[in-house]
Amino acid sequence: MTWEEARARAAPIRLAVFVEEQGVPAELEMDQMDAKCIHALAFQDTAFEDSRAVGTGRLLPDGHIGRMAVLKGFRGKGAGGALLSKLMEAAKSRGDREVVLSAQVRAVPFYQAYGFELFGEVYAEAGIPHRDMRRDL
């Protein structure tokens, strides 16, 4: 969905996970790229119109997947995998040949389970160690 469609549900998730939980400065979290991205939301149940959004992620025009966030109480239940799969589908549908992402080091095994491979060295983004990863589509 577009940012206009996703904003009301995605922004609170990103603020809860990145700003409140991980200490990322609020001014770094929302950016001008949101309006140019494809956004995905994961819902608590399949009747999503009446359901609480519990996760979000975005696909940038250049094939980067980012801002993957799932609320703490819903991690490990498939929401992140569903989001990642939908964003990869969207990239493939528009003709992207690969997707890349900047993974928090502690999340590397999650992305490896979906076929992503590491490249480059560890670096800090918003004070959190990250690794670049990519996957062919």
C-alpha atoms as a PDB file:
ATOM      1  CA  MET A   1       0.000   0.000   0.000  1.00  0.00           C
ATOM      2  CA  THR A   2       0.979   3.633  -0.245  1.00  0.00           C
ATOM      3  CA  TRP A   3       2.224   5.628   2.746  1.00  0.00           C
ATOM      4  CA  GLU A   4      -1.072   7.514   2.815  1.00  0.00           C
ATOM      5  CA  GLU A   5      -2.887   4.181   3.188  1.00  0.00           C
ATOM      6  CA  ALA A   6      -0.430   2.730   5.706  1.00  0.00           C
ATOM      7  CA  ARG A   7       0.626   5.736   7.799  1.00  0.00           C
ATOM      8  CA  ALA A   8      -2.049   5.644  10.517  1.00  0.00           C
ATOM      9  CA  ARG A   9      -1.221   2.013  11.346  1.00  0.00           C
ATOM     10  CA  ALA A  10       2.467   1.794  10.407  1.00  0.00           C
ATOM     11  CA  ALA A  11       3.791   4.931  12.109  1.00  0.00           C
ATOM     12  CA  PRO A  12       2.776   3.889  15.658  1.00  0.00           C
ATOM     13  CA  ILE A  13       4.420   0.478  15.186  1.00  0.00           C
ATOM     14  CA  ARG A  14       7.667   2.033  13.974  1.00  0.00           C
ATOM     15  CA  LEU A  15       7.666   4.539  16.820  1.00  0.00           C
ATOM     16  CA  ALA A  16       7.009   1.805  19.412  1.00  0.00           C
ATOM     17  CA  VAL A  17       9.728  -0.521  18.093  1.00  0.00           C
ATOM     18  CA  PHE A  18      12.450   1.816  16.875  1.00  0.00           C
ATOM     19  CA  VAL A  19      12.044   4.943  19.005  1.00  0.00           C
ATOM     20  CA  GLU A  20      10.608   3.703  22.299  1.00  0.00           C
ATOM     21  CA  GLU A  21      12.108   0.210  22.452  1.00  0.00           C
ATOM     22  CA  GLN A  22      15.446   0.673  20.657  1.00  0.00           C
ATOM     23  CA  GLY A  23      16.162   4.342  21.341  1.00  0.00           C
ATOM     24  CA  VAL A  24      16.386   5.519  17.724  1.00  0.00           C
ATOM     25  CA  PRO A  25      15.926   9.318  17.591  1.00  0.00           C
ATOM     26  CA  ALA A  26      12.344  10.091  16.493  1.00  0.00           C
ATOM     27  CA  GLU A  27      13.564  12.539  13.840  1.00  0.00           C
ATOM     28  CA  LEU A  28      15.417   9.690  12.080  1.00  0.00           C
ATOM     29  CA  GLU A  29      12.499   7.286  11.993  1.00  0.00           C
ATOM     30  CA  MET A  30      10.025   8.875   9.574  1.00  0.00           C
ATOM     31  CA  ASP A  31      11.610  10.247   6.414  1.00  0.00           C
ATOM     32  CA  GLN A  32      10.835  11.629   2.975  1.00  0.00           C
ATOM     33  CA  MET A  33      11.256   8.164   1.434  1.00  0.00           C
ATOM     34  CA  ASP A  34       8.050   6.885   3.014  1.00  0.00           C
ATOM     35  CA  ALA A  35       5.975   8.627   0.326  1.00  0.00           C
ATOM     36  CA  LYS A  36       7.968   6.835  -2.406  1.00  0.00           C
ATOM     37  CA  CYS A  37       7.779   3.318  -0.926  1.00  0.00           C
ATOM     38  CA  ILE A  38       5.476   0.343  -1.075  1.00  0.00           C
ATOM     39  CA  HIS A  39       4.352  -0.422   2.481  1.00  0.00           C
ATOM     40  CA  ALA A  40       3.133  -3.679   4.003  1.00  0.00           C
ATOM     41  CA  LEU A  41       1.233  -4.276   7.221  1.00  0.00           C
ATOM     42  CA  ALA A  42       0.715  -7.468   9.223  1.00  0.00           C
ATOM     43  CA  PHE A  43      -2.501  -7.765  11.190  1.00  0.00           C
ATOM     44  CA  GLN A  44      -3.390  -9.629  14.353  1.00  0.00           C
ATOM     45  CA  ASP A  45      -5.929 -11.738  12.447  1.00  0.00           C
ATOM     46  CA  THR A  46      -7.262 -12.148   8.915  1.00  0.00           C
ATOM     47  CA  ALA A  47     -10.240  -9.816   9.353  1.00  0.00           C
ATOM     48  CA  PHE A  48      -7.790  -6.956   8.932  1.00  0.00           C
ATOM     49  CA  GLU A  49     -10.314  -4.137   8.615  1.00  0.00           C
ATOM     50  CA  ASP A  50     -11.262  -4.665  12.262  1.00  0.00           C
ATOM     51  CA  SER A  51      -7.903  -6.006  13.397  1.00  0.00           C
ATOM     52  CA  ARG A  52      -4.910  -4.382  15.033  1.00  0.00           C
ATOM     53  CA  ALA A  53      -1.818  -3.897  12.873  1.00  0.00           C
ATOM     54  CA  VAL A  54       1.136  -5.602  14.592  1.00  0.00           C
ATOM     55  CA  GLY A  55       3.926  -5.246  12.030  1.00  0.00           C
ATOM     56  CA  THR A  56       5.117  -3.164   9.120  1.00  0.00           C
ATOM     57  CA  GLY A  57       7.859  -2.886   6.519  1.00  0.00           C
ATOM     58  CA  ARG A  58       8.605  -0.942   3.356  1.00  0.00           C
ATOM     59  CA  LEU A  59      10.118  -1.455  -0.093  1.00  0.00           C
ATOM     60  CA  LEU A  60      12.081   1.465  -1.505  1.00  0.00           C
ATOM     61  CA  PRO A  61      12.197   2.282  -5.225  1.00  0.00           C
ATOM     62  CA  ASP A  62      15.788   0.962  -5.446  1.00  0.00           C
ATOM     63  CA  GLY A  63      14.928  -2.500  -4.095  1.00  0.00           C
ATOM     64  CA  HIS A  64      15.863  -1.948  -0.458  1.00  0.00           C
ATOM     65  CA  ILE A  65      13.592  -3.449   2.171  1.00  0.00           C
ATOM     66  CA  GLY A  66      13.517  -1.459   5.363  1.00  0.00           C
ATOM     67  CA  ARG A  67      11.722  -0.347   8.494  1.00  0.00           C
ATOM     68  CA  MET A  68      10.762  -3.937   9.279  1.00  0.00           C
ATOM     69  CA  ALA A  69       9.116  -3.812  12.700  1.00  0.00           C
ATOM     70  CA  VAL A  70       6.840  -6.166  14.646  1.00  0.00           C
ATOM     71  CA  LEU A  71       5.382  -5.259  18.021  1.00  0.00           C
ATOM     72  CA  LYS A  72       7.098  -7.093  20.876  1.00  0.00           C
ATOM     73  CA  GLY A  73       4.179  -9.338  21.877  1.00  0.00           C
ATOM     74  CA  PHE A  74       3.752 -10.598  18.301  1.00  0.00           C
ATOM     75  CA  ARG A  75       7.334 -11.543  17.418  1.00  0.00           C
ATOM     76  CA  GLY A  76       8.074 -15.142  16.556  1.00  0.00           C
ATOM     77  CA  LYS A  77       4.521 -15.772  15.330  1.00  0.00           C
ATOM     78  CA  GLY A  78       5.039 -15.328  11.582  1.00  0.00           C
ATOM     79  CA  ALA A  79       4.249 -11.639  11.102  1.00  0.00           C
ATOM     80  CA  GLY A  80       7.810 -10.689  10.141  1.00  0.00           C
ATOM     81  CA  GLY A  81       8.103 -13.540   7.667  1.00  0.00           C
ATOM     82  CA  ALA A  82       4.758 -12.655   6.089  1.00  0.00           C
ATOM     83  CA  LEU A  83       5.814  -9.011   5.738  1.00  0.00           C
ATOM     84  CA  LEU A  84       9.181  -9.941   4.239  1.00  0.00           C
ATOM     85  CA  SER A  85       7.565 -12.362   1.777  1.00  0.00           C
ATOM     86  CA  LYS A  86       5.011  -9.771   0.621  1.00  0.00           C
ATOM     87  CA  LEU A  87       7.676  -7.113   0.135  1.00  0.00           C
ATOM     88  CA  MET A  88       9.820  -9.547  -1.880  1.00  0.00           C
ATOM     89  CA  GLU A  89       6.744 -10.428  -3.987  1.00  0.00           C
ATOM     90  CA  ALA A  90       6.128  -6.737  -4.652  1.00  0.00           C
ATOM     91  CA  ALA A  91       9.758  -6.252  -5.707  1.00  0.00           C
ATOM     92  CA  LYS A  92       9.630  -9.235  -8.043  1.00  0.00           C
ATOM     93  CA  SER A  93       6.288  -8.090  -9.518  1.00  0.00           C
ATOM     94  CA  ARG A  94       7.722  -4.727 -10.472  1.00  0.00           C
ATOM     95  CA  GLY A  95      10.753  -6.357 -12.100  1.00  0.00           C
ATOM     96  CA  ASP A  96      13.446  -6.079  -9.430  1.00  0.00           C
ATOM     97  CA  ARG A  97      16.096  -8.785  -9.772  1.00  0.00           C
ATOM     98  CA  GLU A  98      17.296  -8.623  -6.164  1.00  0.00           C
ATOM     99  CA  VAL A  99      16.403  -7.072  -2.832  1.00  0.00           C
ATOM    100  CA  VAL A 100      18.822  -5.703  -0.275  1.00  0.00           C
ATOM    101  CA  LEU A 101      18.450  -4.653   3.323  1.00  0.00           C
ATOM    102  CA  SER A 102      20.329  -3.337   6.304  1.00  0.00           C
ATOM    103  CA  ALA A 103      19.773  -5.872   9.084  1.00  0.00           C
ATOM    104  CA  GLN A 104      20.340  -5.292  12.744  1.00  0.00           C
ATOM    105  CA  VAL A 105      23.042  -7.819  13.632  1.00  0.00           C
ATOM    106  CA  ARG A 106      20.728  -9.644  16.041  1.00  0.00           C
ATOM    107  CA  ALA A 107      18.196 -10.121  13.201  1.00  0.00           C
ATOM    108  CA  VAL A 108      20.686 -11.621  10.711  1.00  0.00           C
ATOM    109  CA  PRO A 109      19.570 -15.247  11.360  1.00  0.00           C
ATOM    110  CA  PHE A 110      15.946 -14.284  10.637  1.00  0.00           C
ATOM    111  CA  TYR A 111      16.858 -12.885   7.211  1.00  0.00           C
ATOM    112  CA  GLN A 112      19.220 -15.792   6.464  1.00  0.00           C
ATOM    113  CA  ALA A 113      16.251 -18.145   6.956  1.00  0.00           C
ATOM    114  CA  TYR A 114      14.635 -16.337   3.985  1.00  0.00           C
ATOM    115  CA  GLY A 115      17.658 -16.735   1.736  1.00  0.00           C
ATOM    116  CA  PHE A 116      19.450 -13.437   2.388  1.00  0.00           C
ATOM    117  CA  GLU A 117      23.246 -13.436   2.317  1.00  0.00           C
ATOM    118  CA  LEU A 118      25.634 -11.131   4.146  1.00  0.00           C
ATOM    119  CA  PHE A 119      27.968  -8.723   2.409  1.00  0.00           C
ATOM    120  CA  GLY A 120      30.205  -5.980   3.741  1.00  0.00           C
ATOM    121  CA  GLU A 121      31.294  -5.300   7.292  1.00  0.00           C
ATOM    122  CA  VAL A 122      29.405  -4.475  10.485  1.00  0.00           C
ATOM    123  CA  TYR A 123      28.525  -0.781  10.794  1.00  0.00           C
ATOM    124  CA  ALA A 124      26.460   1.380  13.134  1.00  0.00           C
ATOM    125  CA  GLU A 125      23.171   2.904  12.054  1.00  0.00           C
ATOM    126  CA  ALA A 126      21.395   5.024  14.689  1.00  0.00           C
ATOM    127  CA  GLY A 127      23.872   3.536  17.179  1.00  0.00           C
ATOM    128  CA  ILE A 128      22.812  -0.071  16.421  1.00  0.00           C
ATOM    129  CA  PRO A 129      25.173  -2.615  14.756  1.00  0.00           C
ATOM    130  CA  HIS A 130      23.972  -3.579  11.261  1.00  0.00           C
ATOM    131  CA  ARG A 131      25.019  -5.791   8.350  1.00  0.00           C
ATOM    132  CA  ASP A 132      24.062  -5.439   4.702  1.00  0.00           C
ATOM    133  CA  MET A 133      22.277  -8.413   3.166  1.00  0.00           C
ATOM    134  CA  ARG A 134      20.928  -9.286  -0.277  1.00  0.00           C
ATOM    135  CA  ARG A 135      18.816 -11.917  -2.000  1.00  0.00           C
ATOM    136  CA  ASP A 136      18.197 -12.682  -5.656  1.00  0.00           C
ATOM    137  CA  LEU A 137      14.553 -12.846  -6.682  1.00  0.00           C
END
